Amino acid sequence: VRPTSAGSLLGLAVRDLDGDDVARLSLPPDVRGVLISRVDPIGPAFDADLERGQVILEVNRRPVGSARDFQRVTGSLRPGDVLAIFLYLPDEDQRALRTLRVDAP
């Protein structure tokens, strides 16, 4: 999935989780979200400690079950907007909340 304009404003790209991802990351069965596939080292996602391989579960309390959901939820972002990103961190087997501010393009 190519990064959307919202993804590039956030400095990240996401893709749908597939069976291989679930097995490789040992995801719990209740984890539904999108996999972070790329983080721009000079973008707001990097500054908010988002990393490749983490799973975005919600954006601003709205569940994100697919890349299409992510695009829909983040499609109207403008520079200066602040997002609450709820994540699953596979390396730590825990959930976490991160906030980030949308950069100007």
C-alpha atoms as a PDB file:
ATOM      1  CA  VAL A   1       0.000   0.000   0.000  1.00  0.00           C
ATOM      2  CA  ARG A   2       1.422   3.360  -0.974  1.00  0.00           C
ATOM      3  CA  PRO A   3       1.470   6.003   1.718  1.00  0.00           C
ATOM      4  CA  THR A   4      -1.480   8.328   1.477  1.00  0.00           C
ATOM      5  CA  SER A   5      -1.173  12.063   1.796  1.00  0.00           C
ATOM      6  CA  ALA A   6      -2.257  11.630   5.420  1.00  0.00           C
ATOM      7  CA  GLY A   7       0.398   8.950   5.853  1.00  0.00           C
ATOM      8  CA  SER A   8       3.050  11.254   4.482  1.00  0.00           C
ATOM      9  CA  LEU A   9       1.844  14.086   6.740  1.00  0.00           C
ATOM     10  CA  LEU A  10       2.274  11.664   9.644  1.00  0.00           C
ATOM     11  CA  GLY A  11       5.567  10.292   8.355  1.00  0.00           C
ATOM     12  CA  LEU A  12       4.448   6.675   8.163  1.00  0.00           C
ATOM     13  CA  ALA A  13       3.014   4.008   5.894  1.00  0.00           C
ATOM     14  CA  VAL A  14       0.668   1.214   6.987  1.00  0.00           C
ATOM     15  CA  ARG A  15      -0.627  -1.985   5.459  1.00  0.00           C
ATOM     16  CA  ASP A  16      -3.224  -4.613   6.293  1.00  0.00           C
ATOM     17  CA  LEU A  17      -2.173  -7.398   8.643  1.00  0.00           C
ATOM     18  CA  ASP A  18      -2.003 -10.823   7.028  1.00  0.00           C
ATOM     19  CA  GLY A  19      -1.678 -14.335   8.455  1.00  0.00           C
ATOM     20  CA  ASP A  20       2.115 -14.261   8.146  1.00  0.00           C
ATOM     21  CA  ASP A  21       2.293 -11.035  10.177  1.00  0.00           C
ATOM     22  CA  VAL A  22       0.044 -12.471  12.884  1.00  0.00           C
ATOM     23  CA  ALA A  23       2.235 -15.588  13.173  1.00  0.00           C
ATOM     24  CA  ARG A  24       5.597 -13.782  12.903  1.00  0.00           C
ATOM     25  CA  LEU A  25       4.667 -11.185  15.524  1.00  0.00           C
ATOM     26  CA  SER A  26       2.791 -13.706  17.739  1.00  0.00           C
ATOM     27  CA  LEU A  27      -0.188 -11.357  17.876  1.00  0.00           C
ATOM     28  CA  PRO A  28      -2.967 -12.147  20.368  1.00  0.00           C
ATOM     29  CA  PRO A  29      -6.230 -13.168  18.653  1.00  0.00           C
ATOM     30  CA  ASP A  30      -8.006  -9.962  19.749  1.00  0.00           C
ATOM     31  CA  VAL A  31      -5.509  -7.627  18.038  1.00  0.00           C
ATOM     32  CA  ARG A  32      -7.125  -5.951  15.011  1.00  0.00           C
ATOM     33  CA  GLY A  33      -5.392  -3.097  13.261  1.00  0.00           C
ATOM     34  CA  VAL A  34      -2.860  -2.092  10.630  1.00  0.00           C
ATOM     35  CA  LEU A  35       0.849  -2.821  10.569  1.00  0.00           C
ATOM     36  CA  ILE A  36       3.266   0.097  10.423  1.00  0.00           C
ATOM     37  CA  SER A  37       5.420  -0.760   7.405  1.00  0.00           C
ATOM     38  CA  ARG A  38       7.572   2.376   7.267  1.00  0.00           C
ATOM     39  CA  VAL A  39       8.405   5.331   9.502  1.00  0.00           C
ATOM     40  CA  ASP A  40      10.084   8.435   8.119  1.00  0.00           C
ATOM     41  CA  PRO A  41      13.026   9.270  10.412  1.00  0.00           C
ATOM     42  CA  ILE A  42      12.270  12.993  10.216  1.00  0.00           C
ATOM     43  CA  GLY A  43       8.480  12.812  10.583  1.00  0.00           C
ATOM     44  CA  PRO A  44       6.036  13.201  13.453  1.00  0.00           C
ATOM     45  CA  ALA A  45       5.475   9.420  13.744  1.00  0.00           C
ATOM     46  CA  PHE A  46       9.181   8.939  14.500  1.00  0.00           C
ATOM     47  CA  ASP A  47       9.086  11.761  17.049  1.00  0.00           C
ATOM     48  CA  ALA A  48       6.124  10.019  18.741  1.00  0.00           C
ATOM     49  CA  ASP A  49       8.129   6.747  19.034  1.00  0.00           C
ATOM     50  CA  LEU A  50       6.101   4.834  16.463  1.00  0.00           C
ATOM     51  CA  GLU A  51       8.151   2.043  14.902  1.00  0.00           C
ATOM     52  CA  ARG A  52       7.976  -0.336  11.978  1.00  0.00           C
ATOM     53  CA  GLY A  53       6.285  -3.568  13.078  1.00  0.00           C
ATOM     54  CA  GLN A  54       3.940  -1.965  15.609  1.00  0.00           C
ATOM     55  CA  VAL A  55       0.184  -2.343  15.090  1.00  0.00           C
ATOM     56  CA  ILE A  56      -2.108   0.699  15.094  1.00  0.00           C
ATOM     57  CA  LEU A  57      -5.382  -0.302  16.765  1.00  0.00           C
ATOM     58  CA  GLU A  58      -7.156   3.069  16.997  1.00  0.00           C
ATOM     59  CA  VAL A  59      -6.764   6.662  15.877  1.00  0.00           C
ATOM     60  CA  ASN A  60      -8.577   9.211  18.043  1.00  0.00           C
ATOM     61  CA  ARG A  61     -10.602   6.376  19.634  1.00  0.00           C
ATOM     62  CA  ARG A  62     -11.800   5.150  16.238  1.00  0.00           C
ATOM     63  CA  PRO A  63     -10.922   1.490  15.520  1.00  0.00           C
ATOM     64  CA  VAL A  64      -8.674   0.951  12.498  1.00  0.00           C
ATOM     65  CA  GLY A  65      -9.111  -2.576  11.130  1.00  0.00           C
ATOM     66  CA  SER A  66      -7.617  -2.058   7.682  1.00  0.00           C
ATOM     67  CA  ALA A  67      -5.452   0.308   5.661  1.00  0.00           C
ATOM     68  CA  ARG A  68      -8.672   1.633   4.129  1.00  0.00           C
ATOM     69  CA  ASP A  69     -10.030   2.393   7.634  1.00  0.00           C
ATOM     70  CA  PHE A  70      -6.763   4.178   8.457  1.00  0.00           C
ATOM     71  CA  GLN A  71      -7.067   6.295   5.300  1.00  0.00           C
ATOM     72  CA  ARG A  72     -10.696   7.110   6.101  1.00  0.00           C
ATOM     73  CA  VAL A  73      -9.921   8.127   9.712  1.00  0.00           C
ATOM     74  CA  THR A  74      -6.851  10.191   8.770  1.00  0.00           C
ATOM     75  CA  GLY A  75      -8.081  11.523   5.411  1.00  0.00           C
ATOM     76  CA  SER A  76      -9.107  14.958   6.660  1.00  0.00           C
ATOM     77  CA  LEU A  77      -5.984  15.729   8.655  1.00  0.00           C
ATOM     78  CA  ARG A  78      -4.517  19.191   8.507  1.00  0.00           C
ATOM     79  CA  PRO A  79      -1.154  20.480   9.708  1.00  0.00           C
ATOM     80  CA  GLY A  80      -1.312  21.179  13.424  1.00  0.00           C
ATOM     81  CA  ASP A  81      -3.898  18.463  14.189  1.00  0.00           C
ATOM     82  CA  VAL A  82      -3.019  16.266  17.161  1.00  0.00           C
ATOM     83  CA  LEU A  83      -3.777  12.544  17.027  1.00  0.00           C
ATOM     84  CA  ALA A  84      -4.060   9.948  19.774  1.00  0.00           C
ATOM     85  CA  ILE A  85      -2.701   6.659  18.390  1.00  0.00           C
ATOM     86  CA  PHE A  86      -3.471   3.466  20.336  1.00  0.00           C
ATOM     87  CA  LEU A  87      -0.928   0.766  19.483  1.00  0.00           C
ATOM     88  CA  TYR A  88      -0.047  -2.838  20.134  1.00  0.00           C
ATOM     89  CA  LEU A  89       3.696  -3.280  20.694  1.00  0.00           C
ATOM     90  CA  PRO A  90       4.578  -6.881  19.729  1.00  0.00           C
ATOM     91  CA  ASP A  91       8.100  -6.724  21.200  1.00  0.00           C
ATOM     92  CA  GLU A  92       6.691  -5.854  24.623  1.00  0.00           C
ATOM     93  CA  ASP A  93       3.333  -7.688  24.349  1.00  0.00           C
ATOM     94  CA  GLN A  94       1.492  -4.584  25.524  1.00  0.00           C
ATOM     95  CA  ARG A  95      -0.657  -1.734  24.326  1.00  0.00           C
ATOM     96  CA  ALA A  96       0.426   1.900  24.405  1.00  0.00           C
ATOM     97  CA  LEU A  97      -0.937   5.350  23.644  1.00  0.00           C
ATOM     98  CA  ARG A  98       1.110   7.849  21.642  1.00  0.00           C
ATOM     99  CA  THR A  99       0.226  11.371  20.558  1.00  0.00           C
ATOM    100  CA  LEU A 100       1.561  13.114  17.504  1.00  0.00           C
ATOM    101  CA  ARG A 101       1.112  16.438  15.802  1.00  0.00           C
ATOM    102  CA  VAL A 102       0.575  16.566  12.052  1.00  0.00           C
ATOM    103  CA  ASP A 103       3.400  18.321  10.194  1.00  0.00           C
ATOM    104  CA  ALA A 104       3.012  20.728   7.310  1.00  0.00           C
ATOM    105  CA  PRO A 105       3.700  19.010   3.965  1.00  0.00           C
END
